[in-house]
Amino acid sequence: MKKLVVISLLAIIGVHNFSCSKKDSTSTGLPAINSANDKQVGASANDLLSAANYTSVKIEIQYMPGFAPDAAAINNLTAFFNSLINKPGGITVVQSQIASANKVVLSLTDIATIEKNNRTVFTSGNQLGVYFLYTDGTYTESAVLGLAYRNTSMCILGKTVHDNSGSIGQASRTKLESTVIEHEAGHILGLVDIGSPMQTNHKDAAHGNHCSNTSCLMYYSSETTDVLGFLITGTIPLLDANCKADLHANGGK
């Protein structure tokens, strides 16, 4: 049975520091964007969680034709952030449609280039910018549902999510999409052990930056068909006490 996964960039390339020897090369090794938003996954965890440097967050969601976000999933994402981050200035969400990539399969560089050419919301002043891209193509690893690839950048493989939700015998689109976007948001908030230090060791050593608790949103099986079956009758997974403790200790609620 094919596995469908929710991954972070860390799962693809690990944690690396890239040199900046070329004009368009950055610390992430991807096409350059605003320097504040061009860092490794987890690098802005404290800035996202606390109000020390940024008092508000603006989330930009861009989507390709036919793959607009599920409205309830976006409401769930906003509630997820509101429950975890200290932003007295609030959280704002803006959405816009962009042109199709006109590619059936997208690489990480393709995704980052689309962001570079279309993103308009960046970190500035006391507002931190976060970006979600919904694509109409699949990823080079065809089972991937979503990925976090910079400190404030995430991608949802819209076609793959649509193909595996919303029909008879499948999880609802709201449940699957919420699980994907909240899992990836957990990674940019520094989970697990990539920017929000663990207060108690709960990293699943066999599966990278994921939680060892089988019931947690950040458990690696959220990346497999196991979670799809669970979501048919179950609820969207939640962060467990250890993950919440890590975020709280790093400036979160």
C-alpha atoms as a PDB file:
ATOM      1  CA  MET A   1       0.000   0.000   0.000  1.00  0.00           C
ATOM      2  CA  LYS A   2       1.415   3.390  -0.976  1.00  0.00           C
ATOM      3  CA  LYS A   3       2.245   5.654   1.933  1.00  0.00           C
ATOM      4  CA  LEU A   4       1.162   9.269   1.906  1.00  0.00           C
ATOM      5  CA  VAL A   5       3.396  11.526   3.891  1.00  0.00           C
ATOM      6  CA  VAL A   6       3.547  14.918   5.512  1.00  0.00           C
ATOM      7  CA  ILE A   7       7.185  15.962   5.667  1.00  0.00           C
ATOM      8  CA  SER A   8       9.443  18.848   6.459  1.00  0.00           C
ATOM      9  CA  LEU A   9      12.467  19.865   4.424  1.00  0.00           C
ATOM     10  CA  LEU A  10      14.488  18.335   7.243  1.00  0.00           C
ATOM     11  CA  ALA A  11      13.183  14.935   6.275  1.00  0.00           C
ATOM     12  CA  ILE A  12      14.530  15.432   2.757  1.00  0.00           C
ATOM     13  CA  ILE A  13      17.942  16.983   3.285  1.00  0.00           C
ATOM     14  CA  GLY A  14      18.519  17.022   7.028  1.00  0.00           C
ATOM     15  CA  VAL A  15      19.842  20.048   8.922  1.00  0.00           C
ATOM     16  CA  HIS A  16      22.595  21.733   6.958  1.00  0.00           C
ATOM     17  CA  ASN A  17      24.205  25.138   6.698  1.00  0.00           C
ATOM     18  CA  PHE A  18      24.669  26.130   3.068  1.00  0.00           C
ATOM     19  CA  SER A  19      27.273  28.580   1.890  1.00  0.00           C
ATOM     20  CA  CYS A  20      26.284  31.789   0.111  1.00  0.00           C
ATOM     21  CA  SER A  21      28.844  31.692  -2.664  1.00  0.00           C
ATOM     22  CA  LYS A  22      26.409  32.455  -5.492  1.00  0.00           C
ATOM     23  CA  LYS A  23      24.151  35.451  -5.942  1.00  0.00           C
ATOM     24  CA  ASP A  24      20.954  33.412  -5.680  1.00  0.00           C
ATOM     25  CA  SER A  25      22.263  30.911  -3.145  1.00  0.00           C
ATOM     26  CA  THR A  26      21.145  31.336   0.454  1.00  0.00           C
ATOM     27  CA  SER A  27      21.430  29.619   3.803  1.00  0.00           C
ATOM     28  CA  THR A  28      18.701  27.255   2.629  1.00  0.00           C
ATOM     29  CA  GLY A  29      20.260  26.564  -0.755  1.00  0.00           C
ATOM     30  CA  LEU A  30      17.047  27.758  -2.429  1.00  0.00           C
ATOM     31  CA  PRO A  31      16.266  30.788  -4.644  1.00  0.00           C
ATOM     32  CA  ALA A  32      16.786  33.884  -2.504  1.00  0.00           C
ATOM     33  CA  ILE A  33      13.902  35.804  -0.935  1.00  0.00           C
ATOM     34  CA  ASN A  34      13.722  38.370   1.887  1.00  0.00           C
ATOM     35  CA  SER A  35      16.586  37.450   4.235  1.00  0.00           C
ATOM     36  CA  ALA A  36      14.340  37.370   7.318  1.00  0.00           C
ATOM     37  CA  ASN A  37      12.244  34.656   5.657  1.00  0.00           C
ATOM     38  CA  ASP A  38      15.113  32.732   4.087  1.00  0.00           C
ATOM     39  CA  LYS A  39      16.374  30.580   6.948  1.00  0.00           C
ATOM     40  CA  GLN A  40      16.309  26.943   7.951  1.00  0.00           C
ATOM     41  CA  VAL A  41      13.104  25.325   9.237  1.00  0.00           C
ATOM     42  CA  GLY A  42      12.773  26.101  12.956  1.00  0.00           C
ATOM     43  CA  ALA A  43      15.102  29.112  12.885  1.00  0.00           C
ATOM     44  CA  SER A  44      12.221  31.505  13.677  1.00  0.00           C
ATOM     45  CA  ALA A  45      10.531  29.326  16.296  1.00  0.00           C
ATOM     46  CA  ASN A  46      11.074  31.765  19.157  1.00  0.00           C
ATOM     47  CA  ASP A  47      10.089  34.753  17.022  1.00  0.00           C
ATOM     48  CA  LEU A  48       6.854  32.988  16.089  1.00  0.00           C
ATOM     49  CA  LEU A  49       6.065  31.873  19.621  1.00  0.00           C
ATOM     50  CA  SER A  50       6.965  34.949  21.658  1.00  0.00           C
ATOM     51  CA  ALA A  51       6.129  38.646  21.438  1.00  0.00           C
ATOM     52  CA  ALA A  52       9.684  39.765  22.144  1.00  0.00           C
ATOM     53  CA  ASN A  53      10.505  40.770  18.561  1.00  0.00           C
ATOM     54  CA  TYR A  54       7.211  40.474  16.680  1.00  0.00           C
ATOM     55  CA  THR A  55       3.768  41.263  18.052  1.00  0.00           C
ATOM     56  CA  SER A  56       1.680  40.051  15.112  1.00  0.00           C
ATOM     57  CA  VAL A  57       1.697  37.436  12.362  1.00  0.00           C
ATOM     58  CA  LYS A  58       0.400  37.738   8.815  1.00  0.00           C
ATOM     59  CA  ILE A  59      -0.193  34.453   7.002  1.00  0.00           C
ATOM     60  CA  GLU A  60      -0.220  34.608   3.219  1.00  0.00           C
ATOM     61  CA  ILE A  61      -1.874  31.671   1.456  1.00  0.00           C
ATOM     62  CA  GLN A  62      -1.473  31.422  -2.306  1.00  0.00           C
ATOM     63  CA  TYR A  63      -3.170  28.700  -4.308  1.00  0.00           C
ATOM     64  CA  MET A  64      -3.336  27.520  -7.890  1.00  0.00           C
ATOM     65  CA  PRO A  65      -6.622  27.303  -9.865  1.00  0.00           C
ATOM     66  CA  GLY A  66      -8.923  24.589  -8.549  1.00  0.00           C
ATOM     67  CA  PHE A  67      -7.021  24.135  -5.290  1.00  0.00           C
ATOM     68  CA  ALA A  68      -8.262  26.863  -2.970  1.00  0.00           C
ATOM     69  CA  PRO A  69      -7.802  25.964   0.698  1.00  0.00           C
ATOM     70  CA  ASP A  70     -10.615  24.341   2.643  1.00  0.00           C
ATOM     71  CA  ALA A  71     -12.193  27.174   4.649  1.00  0.00           C
ATOM     72  CA  ALA A  72     -12.683  25.098   7.794  1.00  0.00           C
ATOM     73  CA  ALA A  73      -9.069  23.913   7.644  1.00  0.00           C
ATOM     74  CA  ILE A  74      -7.850  27.512   7.534  1.00  0.00           C
ATOM     75  CA  ASN A  75     -10.043  28.338  10.524  1.00  0.00           C
ATOM     76  CA  ASN A  76      -8.466  25.365  12.302  1.00  0.00           C
ATOM     77  CA  LEU A  77      -4.996  26.597  11.399  1.00  0.00           C
ATOM     78  CA  THR A  78      -5.751  30.056  12.797  1.00  0.00           C
ATOM     79  CA  ALA A  79      -7.093  28.516  16.006  1.00  0.00           C
ATOM     80  CA  PHE A  80      -4.003  26.283  16.197  1.00  0.00           C
ATOM     81  CA  PHE A  81      -1.675  29.299  16.029  1.00  0.00           C
ATOM     82  CA  ASN A  82      -3.820  31.345  18.404  1.00  0.00           C
ATOM     83  CA  SER A  83      -3.643  28.600  21.017  1.00  0.00           C
ATOM     84  CA  LEU A  84       0.160  28.460  20.920  1.00  0.00           C
ATOM     85  CA  ILE A  85       1.752  31.796  20.022  1.00  0.00           C
ATOM     86  CA  ASN A  86       1.905  35.092  21.903  1.00  0.00           C
ATOM     87  CA  LYS A  87       0.904  37.732  19.391  1.00  0.00           C
ATOM     88  CA  PRO A  88      -1.036  40.585  21.062  1.00  0.00           C
ATOM     89  CA  GLY A  89      -1.368  42.267  17.658  1.00  0.00           C
ATOM     90  CA  GLY A  90      -3.210  39.250  16.338  1.00  0.00           C
ATOM     91  CA  ILE A  91      -3.039  36.873  13.395  1.00  0.00           C
ATOM     92  CA  THR A  92      -4.154  37.936   9.916  1.00  0.00           C
ATOM     93  CA  VAL A  93      -4.770  35.587   6.987  1.00  0.00           C
ATOM     94  CA  VAL A  94      -4.808  36.735   3.357  1.00  0.00           C
ATOM     95  CA  GLN A  95      -5.464  34.515   0.355  1.00  0.00           C
ATOM     96  CA  SER A  96      -4.932  34.914  -3.372  1.00  0.00           C
ATOM     97  CA  GLN A  97      -4.967  32.771  -6.480  1.00  0.00           C
ATOM     98  CA  ILE A  98      -1.831  32.530  -8.590  1.00  0.00           C
ATOM     99  CA  ALA A  99      -1.206  30.983 -11.989  1.00  0.00           C
ATOM    100  CA  SER A 100      -0.791  27.256 -12.443  1.00  0.00           C
ATOM    101  CA  ALA A 101       2.743  25.956 -12.356  1.00  0.00           C
ATOM    102  CA  ASN A 102       1.943  24.075 -15.571  1.00  0.00           C
ATOM    103  CA  LYS A 103       3.985  21.161 -14.307  1.00  0.00           C
ATOM    104  CA  VAL A 104       2.642  17.782 -13.284  1.00  0.00           C
ATOM    105  CA  VAL A 105       5.521  17.153 -10.882  1.00  0.00           C
ATOM    106  CA  LEU A 106       7.250  19.837  -8.805  1.00  0.00           C
ATOM    107  CA  SER A 107      10.694  19.728  -7.229  1.00  0.00           C
ATOM    108  CA  LEU A 108      11.642  21.612  -4.085  1.00  0.00           C
ATOM    109  CA  THR A 109      13.449  24.175  -6.229  1.00  0.00           C
ATOM    110  CA  ASP A 110      10.307  24.578  -8.356  1.00  0.00           C
ATOM    111  CA  ILE A 111       8.244  25.237  -5.210  1.00  0.00           C
ATOM    112  CA  ALA A 112      10.745  27.737  -3.835  1.00  0.00           C
ATOM    113  CA  THR A 113      10.920  29.516  -7.210  1.00  0.00           C
ATOM    114  CA  ILE A 114       7.113  29.832  -7.309  1.00  0.00           C
ATOM    115  CA  GLU A 115       7.282  31.382  -3.848  1.00  0.00           C
ATOM    116  CA  LYS A 116      10.042  33.767  -4.946  1.00  0.00           C
ATOM    117  CA  ASN A 117       7.998  34.900  -7.955  1.00  0.00           C
ATOM    118  CA  ASN A 118       4.670  35.330  -6.145  1.00  0.00           C
ATOM    119  CA  ARG A 119       5.043  35.857  -2.385  1.00  0.00           C
ATOM    120  CA  THR A 120       4.164  39.361  -1.205  1.00  0.00           C
ATOM    121  CA  VAL A 121       4.036  39.075   2.604  1.00  0.00           C
ATOM    122  CA  PHE A 122       7.386  39.148   4.371  1.00  0.00           C
ATOM    123  CA  THR A 123       8.595  39.822   7.885  1.00  0.00           C
ATOM    124  CA  SER A 124       8.851  43.556   8.460  1.00  0.00           C
ATOM    125  CA  GLY A 125       8.699  45.870  11.449  1.00  0.00           C
ATOM    126  CA  ASN A 126       6.886  44.133  14.290  1.00  0.00           C
ATOM    127  CA  GLN A 127       4.982  41.767  11.989  1.00  0.00           C
ATOM    128  CA  LEU A 128       6.238  38.298  11.098  1.00  0.00           C
ATOM    129  CA  GLY A 129       5.223  36.928   7.686  1.00  0.00           C
ATOM    130  CA  VAL A 130       4.311  33.270   7.106  1.00  0.00           C
ATOM    131  CA  TYR A 131       3.674  31.658   3.716  1.00  0.00           C
ATOM    132  CA  PHE A 132       1.633  28.657   2.554  1.00  0.00           C
ATOM    133  CA  LEU A 133       1.606  27.585  -1.102  1.00  0.00           C
ATOM    134  CA  TYR A 134      -1.117  25.231  -2.427  1.00  0.00           C
ATOM    135  CA  THR A 135      -0.031  23.616  -5.693  1.00  0.00           C
ATOM    136  CA  ASP A 136      -1.886  21.909  -8.531  1.00  0.00           C
ATOM    137  CA  GLY A 137       0.966  19.477  -9.076  1.00  0.00           C
ATOM    138  CA  THR A 138       2.433  16.596  -7.127  1.00  0.00           C
ATOM    139  CA  TYR A 139       5.874  16.438  -5.545  1.00  0.00           C
ATOM    140  CA  THR A 140       8.901  14.578  -6.896  1.00  0.00           C
ATOM    141  CA  GLU A 141       8.238  12.084  -4.113  1.00  0.00           C
ATOM    142  CA  SER A 142       4.689  11.308  -5.192  1.00  0.00           C
ATOM    143  CA  ALA A 143       3.378  10.350  -1.726  1.00  0.00           C
ATOM    144  CA  VAL A 144       4.197  13.718  -0.154  1.00  0.00           C
ATOM    145  CA  LEU A 145       1.222  15.769   1.059  1.00  0.00           C
ATOM    146  CA  GLY A 146       3.044  18.790   2.476  1.00  0.00           C
ATOM    147  CA  LEU A 147       6.430  20.122   3.470  1.00  0.00           C
ATOM    148  CA  ALA A 148       8.049  22.897   5.480  1.00  0.00           C
ATOM    149  CA  TYR A 149      11.134  24.114   3.649  1.00  0.00           C
ATOM    150  CA  ARG A 150      12.128  27.457   5.191  1.00  0.00           C
ATOM    151  CA  ASN A 151      11.644  29.170   8.544  1.00  0.00           C
ATOM    152  CA  THR A 152       8.289  30.633   7.454  1.00  0.00           C
ATOM    153  CA  SER A 153       7.541  28.709   4.246  1.00  0.00           C
ATOM    154  CA  MET A 154       5.343  25.665   3.754  1.00  0.00           C
ATOM    155  CA  CYS A 155       3.777  23.915   0.783  1.00  0.00           C
ATOM    156  CA  ILE A 156       0.609  21.841   0.540  1.00  0.00           C
ATOM    157  CA  LEU A 157       0.493  19.493  -2.452  1.00  0.00           C
ATOM    158  CA  GLY A 158      -3.101  20.339  -3.247  1.00  0.00           C
ATOM    159  CA  LYS A 159      -3.718  17.712  -5.893  1.00  0.00           C
ATOM    160  CA  THR A 160      -2.402  14.917  -3.690  1.00  0.00           C
ATOM    161  CA  VAL A 161      -4.536  16.099  -0.773  1.00  0.00           C
ATOM    162  CA  HIS A 162      -7.626  16.322  -3.015  1.00  0.00           C
ATOM    163  CA  ASP A 163      -7.016  12.887  -4.532  1.00  0.00           C
ATOM    164  CA  ASN A 164      -6.935  11.295  -1.076  1.00  0.00           C
ATOM    165  CA  SER A 165      -9.801  13.015   0.733  1.00  0.00           C
ATOM    166  CA  GLY A 166     -13.437  13.964   0.414  1.00  0.00           C
ATOM    167  CA  SER A 167     -14.756  10.866  -1.353  1.00  0.00           C
ATOM    168  CA  ILE A 168     -16.568   7.788  -0.072  1.00  0.00           C
ATOM    169  CA  GLY A 169     -14.207   5.720   2.071  1.00  0.00           C
ATOM    170  CA  GLN A 170     -11.753   8.610   2.483  1.00  0.00           C
ATOM    171  CA  ALA A 171     -11.152  11.123   5.257  1.00  0.00           C
ATOM    172  CA  SER A 172     -12.876  14.471   4.891  1.00  0.00           C
ATOM    173  CA  ARG A 173     -10.858  17.167   3.194  1.00  0.00           C
ATOM    174  CA  THR A 174     -11.083  19.332   6.309  1.00  0.00           C
ATOM    175  CA  LYS A 175      -9.566  16.627   8.508  1.00  0.00           C
ATOM    176  CA  LEU A 176      -6.745  15.711   6.128  1.00  0.00           C
ATOM    177  CA  GLU A 177      -5.878  19.283   5.151  1.00  0.00           C
ATOM    178  CA  SER A 178      -5.983  20.428   8.786  1.00  0.00           C
ATOM    179  CA  THR A 179      -3.645  17.608   9.791  1.00  0.00           C
ATOM    180  CA  VAL A 180      -1.187  18.490   7.022  1.00  0.00           C
ATOM    181  CA  ILE A 181      -1.077  22.235   7.618  1.00  0.00           C
ATOM    182  CA  GLU A 182      -0.962  21.962  11.418  1.00  0.00           C
ATOM    183  CA  HIS A 183       1.795  19.332  11.267  1.00  0.00           C
ATOM    184  CA  GLU A 184       3.897  21.571   9.012  1.00  0.00           C
ATOM    185  CA  ALA A 185       3.160  24.585  11.215  1.00  0.00           C
ATOM    186  CA  GLY A 186       4.446  22.523  14.134  1.00  0.00           C
ATOM    187  CA  HIS A 187       7.757  22.165  12.331  1.00  0.00           C
ATOM    188  CA  ILE A 188       8.243  25.913  11.787  1.00  0.00           C
ATOM    189  CA  LEU A 189       7.413  26.363  15.486  1.00  0.00           C
ATOM    190  CA  GLY A 190      10.485  24.235  16.162  1.00  0.00           C
ATOM    191  CA  LEU A 191       9.063  20.736  16.661  1.00  0.00           C
ATOM    192  CA  VAL A 192      10.570  18.368  17.337  1.00  0.00           C
ATOM    193  CA  ASP A 193      13.960  19.640  18.572  1.00  0.00           C
ATOM    194  CA  ILE A 194      14.586  21.935  15.576  1.00  0.00           C
ATOM    195  CA  GLY A 195      14.310  25.335  17.223  1.00  0.00           C
ATOM    196  CA  SER A 196      12.219  24.667  20.309  1.00  0.00           C
ATOM    197  CA  PRO A 197      14.503  22.707  22.657  1.00  0.00           C
ATOM    198  CA  MET A 198      13.002  19.597  24.215  1.00  0.00           C
ATOM    199  CA  GLN A 199      12.144  19.933  27.893  1.00  0.00           C
ATOM    200  CA  THR A 200      11.863  16.145  28.121  1.00  0.00           C
ATOM    201  CA  ASN A 201      13.350  13.809  25.547  1.00  0.00           C
ATOM    202  CA  HIS A 202      10.448  12.802  23.311  1.00  0.00           C
ATOM    203  CA  LYS A 203      12.046  12.697  19.855  1.00  0.00           C
ATOM    204  CA  ASP A 204      11.488   9.533  17.874  1.00  0.00           C
ATOM    205  CA  ALA A 205      15.105   8.768  17.014  1.00  0.00           C
ATOM    206  CA  ALA A 206      14.103   6.390  14.233  1.00  0.00           C
ATOM    207  CA  HIS A 207      12.025   8.977  12.394  1.00  0.00           C
ATOM    208  CA  GLY A 208      13.844  12.288  12.623  1.00  0.00           C
ATOM    209  CA  ASN A 209      12.214  15.395  14.033  1.00  0.00           C
ATOM    210  CA  HIS A 210       8.998  13.793  15.197  1.00  0.00           C
ATOM    211  CA  CYS A 211       7.384  13.015  18.526  1.00  0.00           C
ATOM    212  CA  SER A 212       7.583   9.569  20.112  1.00  0.00           C
ATOM    213  CA  ASN A 213       3.966   9.742  21.323  1.00  0.00           C
ATOM    214  CA  THR A 214       1.814   7.703  18.960  1.00  0.00           C
ATOM    215  CA  SER A 215      -1.201   9.964  19.604  1.00  0.00           C
ATOM    216  CA  CYS A 216       0.573  13.280  18.955  1.00  0.00           C
ATOM    217  CA  LEU A 217       0.112  15.459  15.867  1.00  0.00           C
ATOM    218  CA  MET A 218       3.892  15.382  15.445  1.00  0.00           C
ATOM    219  CA  TYR A 219       4.167  11.568  15.521  1.00  0.00           C
ATOM    220  CA  TYR A 220       5.631  10.218  12.307  1.00  0.00           C
ATOM    221  CA  SER A 221       2.612   8.052  11.471  1.00  0.00           C
ATOM    222  CA  SER A 222       0.792  11.288  10.644  1.00  0.00           C
ATOM    223  CA  GLU A 223       2.858  10.822   7.496  1.00  0.00           C
ATOM    224  CA  THR A 224       1.365   7.463   6.487  1.00  0.00           C
ATOM    225  CA  THR A 225      -1.859   5.872   5.350  1.00  0.00           C
ATOM    226  CA  ASP A 226      -2.413   4.939   9.006  1.00  0.00           C
ATOM    227  CA  VAL A 227      -3.517   8.506   9.716  1.00  0.00           C
ATOM    228  CA  LEU A 228      -5.802   8.536   6.687  1.00  0.00           C
ATOM    229  CA  GLY A 229      -7.689   5.553   8.053  1.00  0.00           C
ATOM    230  CA  PHE A 230      -7.815   7.100  11.494  1.00  0.00           C
ATOM    231  CA  LEU A 231      -9.200  10.371  10.148  1.00  0.00           C
ATOM    232  CA  ILE A 232     -12.211   8.660   8.592  1.00  0.00           C
ATOM    233  CA  THR A 233     -13.716   8.209  12.059  1.00  0.00           C
ATOM    234  CA  GLY A 234     -11.248   9.930  14.370  1.00  0.00           C
ATOM    235  CA  THR A 235     -10.451  13.576  15.009  1.00  0.00           C
ATOM    236  CA  ILE A 236      -7.553  15.765  13.901  1.00  0.00           C
ATOM    237  CA  PRO A 237      -4.519  14.800  16.045  1.00  0.00           C
ATOM    238  CA  LEU A 238      -3.456  17.249  18.763  1.00  0.00           C
ATOM    239  CA  LEU A 239      -0.048  18.195  20.115  1.00  0.00           C
ATOM    240  CA  ASP A 240       0.804  16.195  23.216  1.00  0.00           C
ATOM    241  CA  ALA A 241       1.970  17.586  26.566  1.00  0.00           C
ATOM    242  CA  ASN A 242       5.679  17.293  25.715  1.00  0.00           C
ATOM    243  CA  CYS A 243       5.348  19.193  22.444  1.00  0.00           C
ATOM    244  CA  LYS A 244       3.292  21.882  24.168  1.00  0.00           C
ATOM    245  CA  ALA A 245       5.886  22.126  26.925  1.00  0.00           C
ATOM    246  CA  ASP A 246       8.635  22.693  24.362  1.00  0.00           C
ATOM    247  CA  LEU A 247       6.674  25.521  22.742  1.00  0.00           C
ATOM    248  CA  HIS A 248       5.761  27.104  26.069  1.00  0.00           C
ATOM    249  CA  ALA A 249       9.398  27.069  27.197  1.00  0.00           C
ATOM    250  CA  ASN A 250      10.409  28.771  23.932  1.00  0.00           C
ATOM    251  CA  GLY A 251       8.061  31.718  24.411  1.00  0.00           C
ATOM    252  CA  GLY A 252       4.702  30.220  23.518  1.00  0.00           C
ATOM    253  CA  LYS A 253       1.500  30.149  25.513  1.00  0.00           C
END
